[in-house]
Amino acid sequence: MQPALNVAFQTVLQLLRFGAFVQGTRRLLPSERLAVSAGLRTDGNNDALITPTIGFIVEF
């Protein structure tokens, strides 16, 4: 029989998360049938910043 292994610890777990999103849209033709939209999103936490995501959309 093996001796018992007791593990005891105390910690304060603090998680901080955040996200941000910015978007802009522009109509290009007078008839407003063509639009360009671009956005930027970033997420992160108190441990590391995650790479930003960039989006680009053209609508007809």
PDB file of N, CA and C in Angstrom:
ATOM      1  N   MET A   1       0.840  -1.168   0.000  1.00  0.00           N
ATOM      2  CA  MET A   1       0.000   0.000   0.000  1.00  0.00           C
ATOM      3  C   MET A   1       0.893   1.242   0.000  1.00  0.00           C
ATOM      4  N   GLN A   2       0.530   2.229  -0.824  1.00  0.00           N
ATOM      5  CA  GLN A   2       1.302   3.469  -0.907  1.00  0.00           C
ATOM      6  C   GLN A   2       0.789   4.473   0.104  1.00  0.00           C
ATOM      7  N   PRO A   3       1.700   5.339   0.586  1.00  0.00           N
ATOM      8  CA  PRO A   3       1.227   6.376   1.515  1.00  0.00           C
ATOM      9  C   PRO A   3       0.373   7.401   0.774  1.00  0.00           C
ATOM     10  N   ALA A   4      -0.540   8.009   1.477  1.00  0.00           N
ATOM     11  CA  ALA A   4      -1.439   9.007   0.895  1.00  0.00           C
ATOM     12  C   ALA A   4      -0.663  10.271   0.548  1.00  0.00           C
ATOM     13  N   LEU A   5      -1.064  10.899  -0.526  1.00  0.00           N
ATOM     14  CA  LEU A   5      -0.452  12.158  -0.949  1.00  0.00           C
ATOM     15  C   LEU A   5      -1.506  13.246  -0.826  1.00  0.00           C
ATOM     16  N   ASN A   6      -1.288  14.180   0.045  1.00  0.00           N
ATOM     17  CA  ASN A   6      -2.209  15.293   0.252  1.00  0.00           C
ATOM     18  C   ASN A   6      -1.624  16.542  -0.384  1.00  0.00           C
ATOM     19  N   VAL A   7      -2.405  17.196  -1.246  1.00  0.00           N
ATOM     20  CA  VAL A   7      -1.989  18.435  -1.892  1.00  0.00           C
ATOM     21  C   VAL A   7      -2.993  19.512  -1.513  1.00  0.00           C
ATOM     22  N   ALA A   8      -2.501  20.587  -0.932  1.00  0.00           N
ATOM     23  CA  ALA A   8      -3.371  21.703  -0.556  1.00  0.00           C
ATOM     24  C   ALA A   8      -2.750  22.975  -1.101  1.00  0.00           C
ATOM     25  N   PHE A   9      -3.562  23.816  -1.708  1.00  0.00           N
ATOM     26  CA  PHE A   9      -3.063  25.078  -2.226  1.00  0.00           C
ATOM     27  C   PHE A   9      -4.142  26.131  -2.125  1.00  0.00           C
ATOM     28  N   GLN A  10      -3.706  27.366  -2.113  1.00  0.00           N
ATOM     29  CA  GLN A  10      -4.627  28.495  -2.104  1.00  0.00           C
ATOM     30  C   GLN A  10      -4.182  29.459  -3.188  1.00  0.00           C
ATOM     31  N   THR A  11      -5.120  29.944  -3.948  1.00  0.00           N
ATOM     32  CA  THR A  11      -4.815  30.903  -4.998  1.00  0.00           C
ATOM     33  C   THR A  11      -6.017  31.798  -5.235  1.00  0.00           C
ATOM     34  N   VAL A  12      -5.742  32.971  -5.740  1.00  0.00           N
ATOM     35  CA  VAL A  12      -6.791  33.889  -6.148  1.00  0.00           C
ATOM     36  C   VAL A  12      -6.741  33.926  -7.676  1.00  0.00           C
ATOM     37  N   LEU A  13      -7.749  33.416  -8.291  1.00  0.00           N
ATOM     38  CA  LEU A  13      -7.808  33.351  -9.748  1.00  0.00           C
ATOM     39  C   LEU A  13      -8.527  34.595 -10.258  1.00  0.00           C
ATOM     40  N   GLN A  14      -7.791  35.449 -10.975  1.00  0.00           N
ATOM     41  CA  GLN A  14      -8.372  36.677 -11.514  1.00  0.00           C
ATOM     42  C   GLN A  14      -8.251  36.649 -13.025  1.00  0.00           C
ATOM     43  N   LEU A  15      -9.380  36.540 -13.689  1.00  0.00           N
ATOM     44  CA  LEU A  15      -9.398  36.547 -15.144  1.00  0.00           C
ATOM     45  C   LEU A  15     -10.029  37.840 -15.635  1.00  0.00           C
ATOM     46  N   LEU A  16      -9.355  38.478 -16.551  1.00  0.00           N
ATOM     47  CA  LEU A  16      -9.860  39.697 -17.155  1.00  0.00           C
ATOM     48  C   LEU A  16      -9.873  39.488 -18.660  1.00  0.00           C
ATOM     49  N   ARG A  17     -11.023  39.619 -19.278  1.00  0.00           N
ATOM     50  CA  ARG A  17     -11.151  39.460 -20.721  1.00  0.00           C
ATOM     51  C   ARG A  17     -11.718  40.738 -21.309  1.00  0.00           C
ATOM     52  N   PHE A  18     -11.313  41.026 -22.554  1.00  0.00           N
ATOM     53  CA  PHE A  18     -11.842  42.212 -23.198  1.00  0.00           C
ATOM     54  C   PHE A  18     -11.900  41.988 -24.699  1.00  0.00           C
ATOM     55  N   GLY A  19     -12.715  42.780 -25.353  1.00  0.00           N
ATOM     56  CA  GLY A  19     -12.842  42.740 -26.802  1.00  0.00           C
ATOM     57  C   GLY A  19     -13.229  44.116 -27.306  1.00  0.00           C
ATOM     58  N   ALA A  20     -12.800  44.414 -28.521  1.00  0.00           N
ATOM     59  CA  ALA A  20     -13.137  45.695 -29.129  1.00  0.00           C
ATOM     60  C   ALA A  20     -13.383  45.479 -30.615  1.00  0.00           C
ATOM     61  N   PHE A  21     -14.339  46.237 -31.171  1.00  0.00           N
ATOM     62  CA  PHE A  21     -14.688  46.115 -32.577  1.00  0.00           C
ATOM     63  C   PHE A  21     -14.971  47.495 -33.138  1.00  0.00           C
ATOM     64  N   VAL A  22     -14.402  47.778 -34.299  1.00  0.00           N
ATOM     65  CA  VAL A  22     -14.622  49.047 -34.990  1.00  0.00           C
ATOM     66  C   VAL A  22     -14.977  48.723 -36.433  1.00  0.00           C
ATOM     67  N   GLN A  23     -15.993  49.401 -36.971  1.00  0.00           N
ATOM     68  CA  GLN A  23     -16.416  49.164 -38.349  1.00  0.00           C
ATOM     69  C   GLN A  23     -16.746  50.491 -39.014  1.00  0.00           C
ATOM     70  N   GLY A  24     -16.418  50.571 -40.297  1.00  0.00           N
ATOM     71  CA  GLY A  24     -16.764  51.745 -41.086  1.00  0.00           C
ATOM     72  C   GLY A  24     -17.324  51.321 -42.433  1.00  0.00           C
ATOM     73  N   THR A  25     -18.329  52.016 -42.918  1.00  0.00           N
ATOM     74  CA  THR A  25     -18.973  51.704 -44.198  1.00  0.00           C
ATOM     75  C   THR A  25     -19.051  52.968 -45.034  1.00  0.00           C
ATOM     76  N   ARG A  26     -18.820  52.790 -46.323  1.00  0.00           N
ATOM     77  CA  ARG A  26     -18.850  53.937 -47.245  1.00  0.00           C
ATOM     78  C   ARG A  26     -19.590  53.527 -48.519  1.00  0.00           C
ATOM     79  N   ARG A  27     -20.600  54.306 -48.921  1.00  0.00           N
ATOM     80  CA  ARG A  27     -21.295  54.116 -50.197  1.00  0.00           C
ATOM     81  C   ARG A  27     -20.494  54.813 -51.282  1.00  0.00           C
ATOM     82  N   LEU A  28     -20.225  54.119 -52.404  1.00  0.00           N
ATOM     83  CA  LEU A  28     -19.329  54.665 -53.412  1.00  0.00           C
ATOM     84  C   LEU A  28     -20.023  55.268 -54.627  1.00  0.00           C
ATOM     85  N   LEU A  29     -21.199  54.804 -54.959  1.00  0.00           N
ATOM     86  CA  LEU A  29     -21.903  55.305 -56.137  1.00  0.00           C
ATOM     87  C   LEU A  29     -23.088  56.164 -55.717  1.00  0.00           C
ATOM     88  N   PRO A  30     -23.467  57.126 -56.572  1.00  0.00           N
ATOM     89  CA  PRO A  30     -24.629  57.967 -56.233  1.00  0.00           C
ATOM     90  C   PRO A  30     -25.906  57.144 -56.024  1.00  0.00           C
ATOM     91  N   SER A  31     -26.012  56.029 -56.731  1.00  0.00           N
ATOM     92  CA  SER A  31     -27.209  55.194 -56.568  1.00  0.00           C
ATOM     93  C   SER A  31     -27.166  54.401 -55.263  1.00  0.00           C
ATOM     94  N   GLU A  32     -26.043  54.490 -54.531  1.00  0.00           N
ATOM     95  CA  GLU A  32     -25.841  53.790 -53.265  1.00  0.00           C
ATOM     96  C   GLU A  32     -25.980  52.282 -53.393  1.00  0.00           C
ATOM     97  N   ARG A  33     -25.640  51.756 -54.581  1.00  0.00           N
ATOM     98  CA  ARG A  33     -25.697  50.309 -54.771  1.00  0.00           C
ATOM     99  C   ARG A  33     -24.360  49.637 -54.480  1.00  0.00           C
ATOM    100  N   LEU A  34     -23.290  50.387 -54.408  1.00  0.00           N
ATOM    101  CA  LEU A  34     -21.972  49.823 -54.119  1.00  0.00           C
ATOM    102  C   LEU A  34     -21.478  50.379 -52.793  1.00  0.00           C
ATOM    103  N   ALA A  35     -21.157  49.474 -51.886  1.00  0.00           N
ATOM    104  CA  ALA A  35     -20.684  49.882 -50.567  1.00  0.00           C
ATOM    105  C   ALA A  35     -19.421  49.104 -50.216  1.00  0.00           C
ATOM    106  N   VAL A  36     -18.543  49.749 -49.497  1.00  0.00           N
ATOM    107  CA  VAL A  36     -17.335  49.105 -48.985  1.00  0.00           C
ATOM    108  C   VAL A  36     -17.389  49.210 -47.467  1.00  0.00           C
ATOM    109  N   SER A  37     -17.141  48.086 -46.824  1.00  0.00           N
ATOM    110  CA  SER A  37     -17.182  48.046 -45.370  1.00  0.00           C
ATOM    111  C   SER A  37     -15.903  47.384 -44.870  1.00  0.00           C
ATOM    112  N   ALA A  38     -15.326  47.943 -43.834  1.00  0.00           N
ATOM    113  CA  ALA A  38     -14.112  47.377 -43.240  1.00  0.00           C
ATOM    114  C   ALA A  38     -14.272  47.371 -41.731  1.00  0.00           C
ATOM    115  N   GLY A  39     -13.702  46.358 -41.094  1.00  0.00           N
ATOM    116  CA  GLY A  39     -13.798  46.257 -39.645  1.00  0.00           C
ATOM    117  C   GLY A  39     -12.524  45.707 -39.043  1.00  0.00           C
ATOM    118  N   LEU A  40     -12.327  46.007 -37.773  1.00  0.00           N
ATOM    119  CA  LEU A  40     -11.179  45.531 -37.025  1.00  0.00           C
ATOM    120  C   LEU A  40     -11.665  45.048 -35.671  1.00  0.00           C
ATOM    121  N   ARG A  41     -11.281  43.830 -35.309  1.00  0.00           N
ATOM    122  CA  ARG A  41     -11.669  43.266 -34.023  1.00  0.00           C
ATOM    123  C   ARG A  41     -10.432  42.740 -33.311  1.00  0.00           C
ATOM    124  N   THR A  42     -10.385  42.944 -32.006  1.00  0.00           N
ATOM    125  CA  THR A  42      -9.311  42.389 -31.197  1.00  0.00           C
ATOM    126  C   THR A  42      -9.893  41.871 -29.889  1.00  0.00           C
ATOM    127  N   ASP A  43      -9.340  40.780 -29.422  1.00  0.00           N
ATOM    128  CA  ASP A  43      -9.734  40.177 -28.153  1.00  0.00           C
ATOM    129  C   ASP A  43      -8.476  39.921 -27.335  1.00  0.00           C
ATOM    130  N   GLY A  44      -8.620  39.899 -26.054  1.00  0.00           N
ATOM    131  CA  GLY A  44      -7.459  39.625 -25.219  1.00  0.00           C
ATOM    132  C   GLY A  44      -7.864  39.292 -23.806  1.00  0.00           C
ATOM    133  N   ASN A  45      -6.874  38.988 -23.001  1.00  0.00           N
ATOM    134  CA  ASN A  45      -7.095  38.739 -21.585  1.00  0.00           C
ATOM    135  C   ASN A  45      -5.895  39.277 -20.817  1.00  0.00           C
ATOM    136  N   ASN A  46      -5.895  39.116 -19.518  1.00  0.00           N
ATOM    137  CA  ASN A  46      -4.826  39.689 -18.717  1.00  0.00           C
ATOM    138  C   ASN A  46      -3.527  38.897 -18.833  1.00  0.00           C
ATOM    139  N   ASP A  47      -3.524  37.816 -19.580  1.00  0.00           N
ATOM    140  CA  ASP A  47      -2.334  37.005 -19.748  1.00  0.00           C
ATOM    141  C   ASP A  47      -1.629  37.289 -21.078  1.00  0.00           C
ATOM    142  N   ALA A  48      -2.408  37.461 -22.160  1.00  0.00           N
ATOM    143  CA  ALA A  48      -1.808  37.688 -23.483  1.00  0.00           C
ATOM    144  C   ALA A  48      -2.837  38.362 -24.388  1.00  0.00           C
ATOM    145  N   LEU A  49      -2.337  39.169 -25.316  1.00  0.00           N
ATOM    146  CA  LEU A  49      -3.188  39.827 -26.308  1.00  0.00           C
ATOM    147  C   LEU A  49      -3.273  38.938 -27.536  1.00  0.00           C
ATOM    148  N   ILE A  50      -4.469  38.707 -28.024  1.00  0.00           N
ATOM    149  CA  ILE A  50      -4.671  37.870 -29.199  1.00  0.00           C
ATOM    150  C   ILE A  50      -4.554  38.743 -30.448  1.00  0.00           C
ATOM    151  N   THR A  51      -4.029  38.187 -31.510  1.00  0.00           N
ATOM    152  CA  THR A  51      -3.815  38.901 -32.767  1.00  0.00           C
ATOM    153  C   THR A  51      -5.126  39.516 -33.271  1.00  0.00           C
ATOM    154  N   PRO A  52      -5.109  40.762 -33.706  1.00  0.00           N
ATOM    155  CA  PRO A  52      -6.315  41.395 -34.233  1.00  0.00           C
ATOM    156  C   PRO A  52      -6.794  40.724 -35.526  1.00  0.00           C
ATOM    157  N   THR A  53      -8.088  40.796 -35.762  1.00  0.00           N
ATOM    158  CA  THR A  53      -8.703  40.273 -36.979  1.00  0.00           C
ATOM    159  C   THR A  53      -9.190  41.459 -37.809  1.00  0.00           C
ATOM    160  N   ILE A  54      -8.864  41.457 -39.096  1.00  0.00           N
ATOM    161  CA  ILE A  54      -9.269  42.538 -40.002  1.00  0.00           C
ATOM    162  C   ILE A  54     -10.203  41.967 -41.051  1.00  0.00           C
ATOM    163  N   GLY A  55     -11.330  42.642 -41.276  1.00  0.00           N
ATOM    164  CA  GLY A  55     -12.292  42.201 -42.280  1.00  0.00           C
ATOM    165  C   GLY A  55     -12.536  43.290 -43.312  1.00  0.00           C
ATOM    166  N   PHE A  56     -12.830  42.878 -44.548  1.00  0.00           N
ATOM    167  CA  PHE A  56     -13.081  43.820 -45.638  1.00  0.00           C
ATOM    168  C   PHE A  56     -14.188  43.239 -46.510  1.00  0.00           C
ATOM    169  N   ILE A  57     -15.247  43.996 -46.756  1.00  0.00           N
ATOM    170  CA  ILE A  57     -16.411  43.524 -47.510  1.00  0.00           C
ATOM    171  C   ILE A  57     -16.785  44.556 -48.569  1.00  0.00           C
ATOM    172  N   VAL A  58     -17.103  44.059 -49.777  1.00  0.00           N
ATOM    173  CA  VAL A  58     -17.632  44.909 -50.837  1.00  0.00           C
ATOM    174  C   VAL A  58     -19.026  44.390 -51.157  1.00  0.00           C
ATOM    175  N   GLU A  59     -20.018  45.267 -51.143  1.00  0.00           N
ATOM    176  CA  GLU A  59     -21.406  44.886 -51.423  1.00  0.00           C
ATOM    177  C   GLU A  59     -21.897  45.572 -52.689  1.00  0.00           C
ATOM    178  N   PHE A  60     -22.688  44.850 -53.478  1.00  0.00           N
ATOM    179  CA  PHE A  60     -23.313  45.405 -54.684  1.00  0.00           C
ATOM    180  C   PHE A  60     -24.800  45.495 -54.505  1.00  0.00           C
TER     181      PHE A  60
END
